[in-house]
C-alpha atoms as a PDB file:
ATOM      1  CA  MET A   1     -28.983 -71.591 -24.774  1.00  0.00           C
ATOM      2  CA  LYS A   2     -26.591 -70.199 -22.142  1.00  0.00           C
ATOM      3  CA  GLN A   3     -26.937 -66.579 -21.256  1.00  0.00           C
ATOM      4  CA  LEU A   4     -23.598 -64.625 -21.145  1.00  0.00           C
ATOM      5  CA  ALA A   5     -22.882 -62.241 -18.349  1.00  0.00           C
ATOM      6  CA  GLY A   6     -21.884 -58.655 -19.111  1.00  0.00           C
ATOM      7  CA  PHE A   7     -23.302 -55.141 -20.026  1.00  0.00           C
ATOM      8  CA  THR A   8     -25.530 -54.435 -22.786  1.00  0.00           C
ATOM      9  CA  LEU A   9     -24.660 -51.794 -25.323  1.00  0.00           C
ATOM     10  CA  LEU A  10     -27.273 -49.366 -23.761  1.00  0.00           C
ATOM     11  CA  GLU A  11     -25.661 -49.676 -20.464  1.00  0.00           C
ATOM     12  CA  VAL A  12     -22.223 -48.833 -21.572  1.00  0.00           C
ATOM     13  CA  LEU A  13     -23.485 -45.882 -23.656  1.00  0.00           C
ATOM     14  CA  VAL A  14     -25.309 -44.377 -20.406  1.00  0.00           C
ATOM     15  CA  ALA A  15     -22.148 -44.983 -18.423  1.00  0.00           C
ATOM     16  CA  LEU A  16     -20.038 -43.256 -20.960  1.00  0.00           C
ATOM     17  CA  ALA A  17     -22.582 -40.172 -21.014  1.00  0.00           C
ATOM     18  CA  VAL A  18     -22.542 -39.866 -17.203  1.00  0.00           C
ATOM     19  CA  LEU A  19     -18.796 -39.914 -17.203  1.00  0.00           C
ATOM     20  CA  ALA A  20     -18.494 -37.228 -19.949  1.00  0.00           C
ATOM     21  CA  ILE A  21     -20.845 -35.028 -18.025  1.00  0.00           C
ATOM     22  CA  ALA A  22     -18.752 -35.356 -14.886  1.00  0.00           C
ATOM     23  CA  MET A  23     -15.447 -34.788 -16.644  1.00  0.00           C
ATOM     24  CA  GLY A  24     -16.981 -31.629 -18.377  1.00  0.00           C
ATOM     25  CA  ALA A  25     -17.885 -30.276 -14.865  1.00  0.00           C
ATOM     26  CA  ILE A  26     -14.464 -31.001 -13.377  1.00  0.00           C
ATOM     27  CA  ILE A  27     -12.712 -29.312 -16.343  1.00  0.00           C
ATOM     28  CA  GLY A  28     -14.949 -26.287 -15.925  1.00  0.00           C
ATOM     29  CA  VAL A  29     -14.329 -25.961 -12.323  1.00  0.00           C
ATOM     30  CA  ALA A  30     -10.555 -26.306 -12.812  1.00  0.00           C
ATOM     31  CA  THR A  31     -10.572 -23.519 -15.560  1.00  0.00           C
ATOM     32  CA  GLN A  32     -12.546 -21.212 -13.354  1.00  0.00           C
ATOM     33  CA  SER A  33     -10.078 -21.781 -10.546  1.00  0.00           C
ATOM     34  CA  VAL A  34      -7.078 -20.953 -12.789  1.00  0.00           C
ATOM     35  CA  ASN A  35      -8.805 -17.793 -14.073  1.00  0.00           C
ATOM     36  CA  THR A  36      -9.543 -16.653 -10.496  1.00  0.00           C
ATOM     37  CA  VAL A  37      -5.827 -17.314  -9.471  1.00  0.00           C
ATOM     38  CA  GLY A  38      -4.743 -15.226 -12.480  1.00  0.00           C
ATOM     39  CA  TYR A  39      -7.245 -12.385 -11.644  1.00  0.00           C
ATOM     40  CA  LEU A  40      -6.136 -12.205  -8.113  1.00  0.00           C
ATOM     41  CA  ARG A  41      -2.580 -12.099  -9.075  1.00  0.00           C
ATOM     42  CA  ASP A  42      -3.241  -9.187 -11.331  1.00  0.00           C
ATOM     43  CA  GLN A  43      -5.160  -7.482  -8.618  1.00  0.00           C
ATOM     44  CA  THR A  44      -2.159  -8.000  -6.123  1.00  0.00           C
ATOM     45  CA  PHE A  45       0.332  -6.724  -8.557  1.00  0.00           C
ATOM     46  CA  ALA A  46      -1.967  -3.769  -9.414  1.00  0.00           C
ATOM     47  CA  SER A  47      -2.318  -2.818  -5.658  1.00  0.00           C
ATOM     48  CA  TRP A  48       1.444  -2.983  -5.366  1.00  0.00           C
ATOM     49  CA  ALA A  49       1.949  -0.686  -8.323  1.00  0.00           C
ATOM     50  CA  ALA A  50      -0.656   1.722  -6.880  1.00  0.00           C
ATOM     51  CA  LEU A  51       1.123   1.800  -3.404  1.00  0.00           C
ATOM     52  CA  ASN A  52       4.470   2.335  -5.242  1.00  0.00           C
ATOM     53  CA  LYS A  53       2.912   5.360  -7.228  1.00  0.00           C
ATOM     54  CA  VAL A  54       1.319   6.811  -4.095  1.00  0.00           C
ATOM     55  CA  ASN A  55       4.720   6.593  -2.154  1.00  0.00           C
ATOM     56  CA  GLU A  56       6.548   8.135  -5.116  1.00  0.00           C
ATOM     57  CA  LEU A  57       4.340  10.997  -5.005  1.00  0.00           C
ATOM     58  CA  LEU A  58       4.292  11.392  -1.246  1.00  0.00           C
ATOM     59  CA  LEU A  59       8.047  11.379  -1.165  1.00  0.00           C
ATOM     60  CA  ALA A  60       8.510  13.969  -4.003  1.00  0.00           C
ATOM     61  CA  SER A  61       9.569  17.312  -2.980  1.00  0.00           C
ATOM     62  CA  GLU A  62       7.176  19.407  -4.974  1.00  0.00           C
ATOM     63  CA  PRO A  63       3.635  19.780  -3.604  1.00  0.00           C
ATOM     64  CA  TRP A  64       0.733  18.113  -5.114  1.00  0.00           C
ATOM     65  CA  PRO A  65      -1.552  20.175  -7.381  1.00  0.00           C
ATOM     66  CA  THR A  66      -4.787  21.186  -5.864  1.00  0.00           C
ATOM     67  CA  GLU A  67      -6.756  19.765  -8.815  1.00  0.00           C
ATOM     68  CA  GLY A  68      -6.006  17.985 -11.918  1.00  0.00           C
ATOM     69  CA  SER A  69      -5.234  14.544 -13.228  1.00  0.00           C
ATOM     70  CA  SER A  70      -2.325  12.564 -14.963  1.00  0.00           C
ATOM     71  CA  LYS A  71      -1.784   9.390 -16.651  1.00  0.00           C
ATOM     72  CA  GLY A  72       1.398   7.151 -17.024  1.00  0.00           C
ATOM     73  CA  THR A  73       2.825   3.656 -16.733  1.00  0.00           C
ATOM     74  CA  SER A  74       4.721   1.678 -14.193  1.00  0.00           C
ATOM     75  CA  ASP A  75       6.806  -1.431 -14.600  1.00  0.00           C
ATOM     76  CA  LEU A  76       6.347  -4.183 -12.068  1.00  0.00           C
ATOM     77  CA  ALA A  77       6.628  -7.930 -12.214  1.00  0.00           C
ATOM     78  CA  ASN A  78       7.738  -7.802 -15.994  1.00  0.00           C
ATOM     79  CA  ARG A  79       4.578  -6.156 -16.889  1.00  0.00           C
ATOM     80  CA  THR A  80       3.540  -2.492 -17.603  1.00  0.00           C
ATOM     81  CA  TRP A  81       0.703  -1.022 -15.580  1.00  0.00           C
ATOM     82  CA  ARG A  82      -1.364   1.862 -16.432  1.00  0.00           C
ATOM     83  CA  TRP A  83      -2.044   4.423 -13.622  1.00  0.00           C
ATOM     84  CA  GLU A  84      -4.365   7.473 -13.623  1.00  0.00           C
ATOM     85  CA  THR A  85      -4.245   9.993 -10.622  1.00  0.00           C
ATOM     86  CA  ARG A  86      -6.768  12.499  -9.888  1.00  0.00           C
ATOM     87  CA  PHE A  87      -6.061  15.327  -7.435  1.00  0.00           C
ATOM     88  CA  GLN A  88      -8.982  16.914  -5.697  1.00  0.00           C
ATOM     89  CA  LYS A  89      -9.460  19.761  -3.073  1.00  0.00           C
ATOM     90  CA  THR A  90     -10.822  18.881   0.159  1.00  0.00           C
ATOM     91  CA  GLN A  91     -12.748  20.970   2.824  1.00  0.00           C
ATOM     92  CA  ASP A  92      -9.454  21.530   4.651  1.00  0.00           C
ATOM     93  CA  PRO A  93      -7.351  23.956   2.482  1.00  0.00           C
ATOM     94  CA  ASP A  94      -4.285  22.468   3.581  1.00  0.00           C
ATOM     95  CA  LEU A  95      -5.186  18.846   2.489  1.00  0.00           C
ATOM     96  CA  THR A  96      -5.227  17.499  -1.003  1.00  0.00           C
ATOM     97  CA  ARG A  97      -6.782  14.129  -1.902  1.00  0.00           C
ATOM     98  CA  LEU A  98      -5.383  11.688  -4.535  1.00  0.00           C
ATOM     99  CA  ASP A  99      -7.293   8.994  -6.149  1.00  0.00           C
ATOM    100  CA  ILE A 100      -5.278   6.493  -8.181  1.00  0.00           C
ATOM    101  CA  THR A 101      -6.633   3.829 -10.442  1.00  0.00           C
ATOM    102  CA  ILE A 102      -4.488   0.855 -12.014  1.00  0.00           C
ATOM    103  CA  ARG A 103      -5.310  -1.000 -15.256  1.00  0.00           C
ATOM    104  CA  ALA A 104      -3.438  -3.807 -17.042  1.00  0.00           C
ATOM    105  CA  ASP A 105      -4.403  -2.278 -20.346  1.00  0.00           C
ATOM    106  CA  ASP A 106      -5.523   1.232 -21.560  1.00  0.00           C
ATOM    107  CA  ASN A 107      -9.053   0.152 -21.927  1.00  0.00           C
ATOM    108  CA  GLY A 108      -9.082  -2.666 -19.507  1.00  0.00           C
ATOM    109  CA  PRO A 109     -11.099  -2.824 -16.281  1.00  0.00           C
ATOM    110  CA  VAL A 110      -9.889  -1.120 -13.146  1.00  0.00           C
ATOM    111  CA  LEU A 111      -7.896  -3.709 -11.117  1.00  0.00           C
ATOM    112  CA  THR A 112      -7.361  -1.468  -8.069  1.00  0.00           C
ATOM    113  CA  ALA A 113      -8.276   1.859  -6.811  1.00  0.00           C
ATOM    114  CA  LEU A 114      -6.366   3.616  -3.876  1.00  0.00           C
ATOM    115  CA  THR A 115      -6.987   6.975  -2.026  1.00  0.00           C
ATOM    116  CA  ALA A 116      -4.420   8.844  -0.432  1.00  0.00           C
ATOM    117  CA  PHE A 117      -4.188  12.313   1.292  1.00  0.00           C
ATOM    118  CA  LYS A 118      -1.370  14.814   1.631  1.00  0.00           C
ATOM    119  CA  GLY A 119      -1.218  17.911   3.828  1.00  0.00           C
ATOM    120  CA  ARG A 120       0.745  21.005   2.921  1.00  0.00           C
ATOM    121  CA  PRO A 121       3.862  21.581   5.195  1.00  0.00           C
ATOM    122  CA  PRO A 122       3.732  24.542   7.327  1.00  0.00           C
ATOM    123  CA  PRO A 123       5.227  27.532   5.803  1.00  0.00           C
ATOM    124  CA  ASP A 124       8.835  28.389   6.891  1.00  0.00           C
ATOM    125  CA  GLU A 125       8.799  31.186   9.565  1.00  0.00           C
ATOM    126  CA  PRO A 126      11.476  33.601   8.920  1.00  0.00           C
ATOM    127  CA  ALA A 127      13.559  34.399  12.015  1.00  0.00           C
ATOM    128  CA  SER A 128      12.537  37.773  13.526  1.00  0.00           C
ATOM    129  CA  ASP A 129      15.222  40.346  14.454  1.00  0.00           C
ATOM    130  CA  ALA A 130      14.172  40.072  18.061  1.00  0.00           C
ATOM    131  CA  GLY A 131      14.485  36.420  18.066  1.00  0.00           C
ATOM    132  CA  SER A 132      18.043  36.618  16.552  1.00  0.00           C
ATOM    133  CA  GLN A 133      19.162  39.165  19.019  1.00  0.00           C
ATOM    134  CA  GLU A 134      18.105  36.947  21.776  1.00  0.00           C
ATOM    135  CA  GLN A 135      20.209  34.061  20.489  1.00  0.00           C
ATOM    136  CA  GLN A 136      23.178  36.384  20.056  1.00  0.00           C
ATOM    137  CA  GLY A 137      22.663  37.653  23.680  1.00  0.00           C
ATOM    138  CA  GLN A 138      22.576  34.066  24.958  1.00  0.00           C
ATOM    139  CA  GLN A 139      25.806  33.349  23.219  1.00  0.00           C
ATOM    140  CA  GLU A 140      27.574  36.432  24.820  1.00  0.00           C
ATOM    141  CA  GLN A 141      26.539  35.412  28.391  1.00  0.00           C
ATOM    142  CA  PRO A 142      29.440  33.791  30.340  1.00  0.00           C
ATOM    143  CA  GLU A 143      28.915  30.097  30.986  1.00  0.00           C
ATOM    144  CA  GLN A 144      27.828  29.245  34.465  1.00  0.00           C
ATOM    145  CA  GLN A 145      29.455  26.415  36.142  1.00  0.00           C
ATOM    146  CA  ALA A 146      27.486  23.372  37.035  1.00  0.00           C
ATOM    147  CA  PRO A 147      27.182  22.561  40.784  1.00  0.00           C
ATOM    148  CA  GLU A 148      29.666  20.190  42.138  1.00  0.00           C
ATOM    149  CA  PRO A 149      28.378  16.550  42.356  1.00  0.00           C
ATOM    150  CA  GLN A 150      27.733  15.457  45.735  1.00  0.00           C
ATOM    151  CA  ALA A 151      28.538  11.982  47.045  1.00  0.00           C
ATOM    152  CA  PRO A 152      25.669   9.734  47.664  1.00  0.00           C
ATOM    153  CA  THR A 153      24.500   9.377  51.159  1.00  0.00           C
ATOM    154  CA  SER A 154      23.619   5.957  52.350  1.00  0.00           C
ATOM    155  CA  HIS A 155      20.371   5.334  54.196  1.00  0.00           C
ATOM    156  CA  PRO A 156      20.859   2.985  57.106  1.00  0.00           C
ATOM    157  CA  LYS A 157      18.055   0.674  55.657  1.00  0.00           C
ATOM    158  CA  ALA A 158      19.212   0.811  52.111  1.00  0.00           C
ATOM    159  CA  SER A 159      21.161  -2.093  50.588  1.00  0.00           C
ATOM    160  CA  PRO A 160      24.527  -1.090  48.902  1.00  0.00           C
ATOM    161  CA  HIS A 161      23.147  -2.552  45.717  1.00  0.00           C
ATOM    162  CA  THR A 162      20.203  -0.458  45.397  1.00  0.00           C
ATOM    163  CA  LEU A 163      20.179   2.867  43.524  1.00  0.00           C
END
């Protein structure tokens, strides 16, 4: 009897098992990669939302509170981000610290945290009477005429094109 060339049933089953294990590993790595990209995207948008809130607070005309916290939401990239700010005193009485955290959900993990500082502006100094009198006295003085411009003198070794 003549033997037929080919694979046995056992060899085919082993090959399919190896292929299934390899495909499962490839799908697992691809899923992890997609999840990582999504997490990094969320962290990037959260950091932008934090920077926007810090800049909004820095540009506000009212001074920061010395202590306290507040919560709110910001819209960015068609999503709503939850922020929480905490104001704290520092060793310098003219400096206030701000810690801001951003979350995607109310109870979600913190995606980014940012710290900023803001100094109090110097107090406006009222004009004293002596200073205002000096300014008035300067305005009453006659204007002095500027000296007449002199024609430039040429140096024998200087080129006519040099200044």
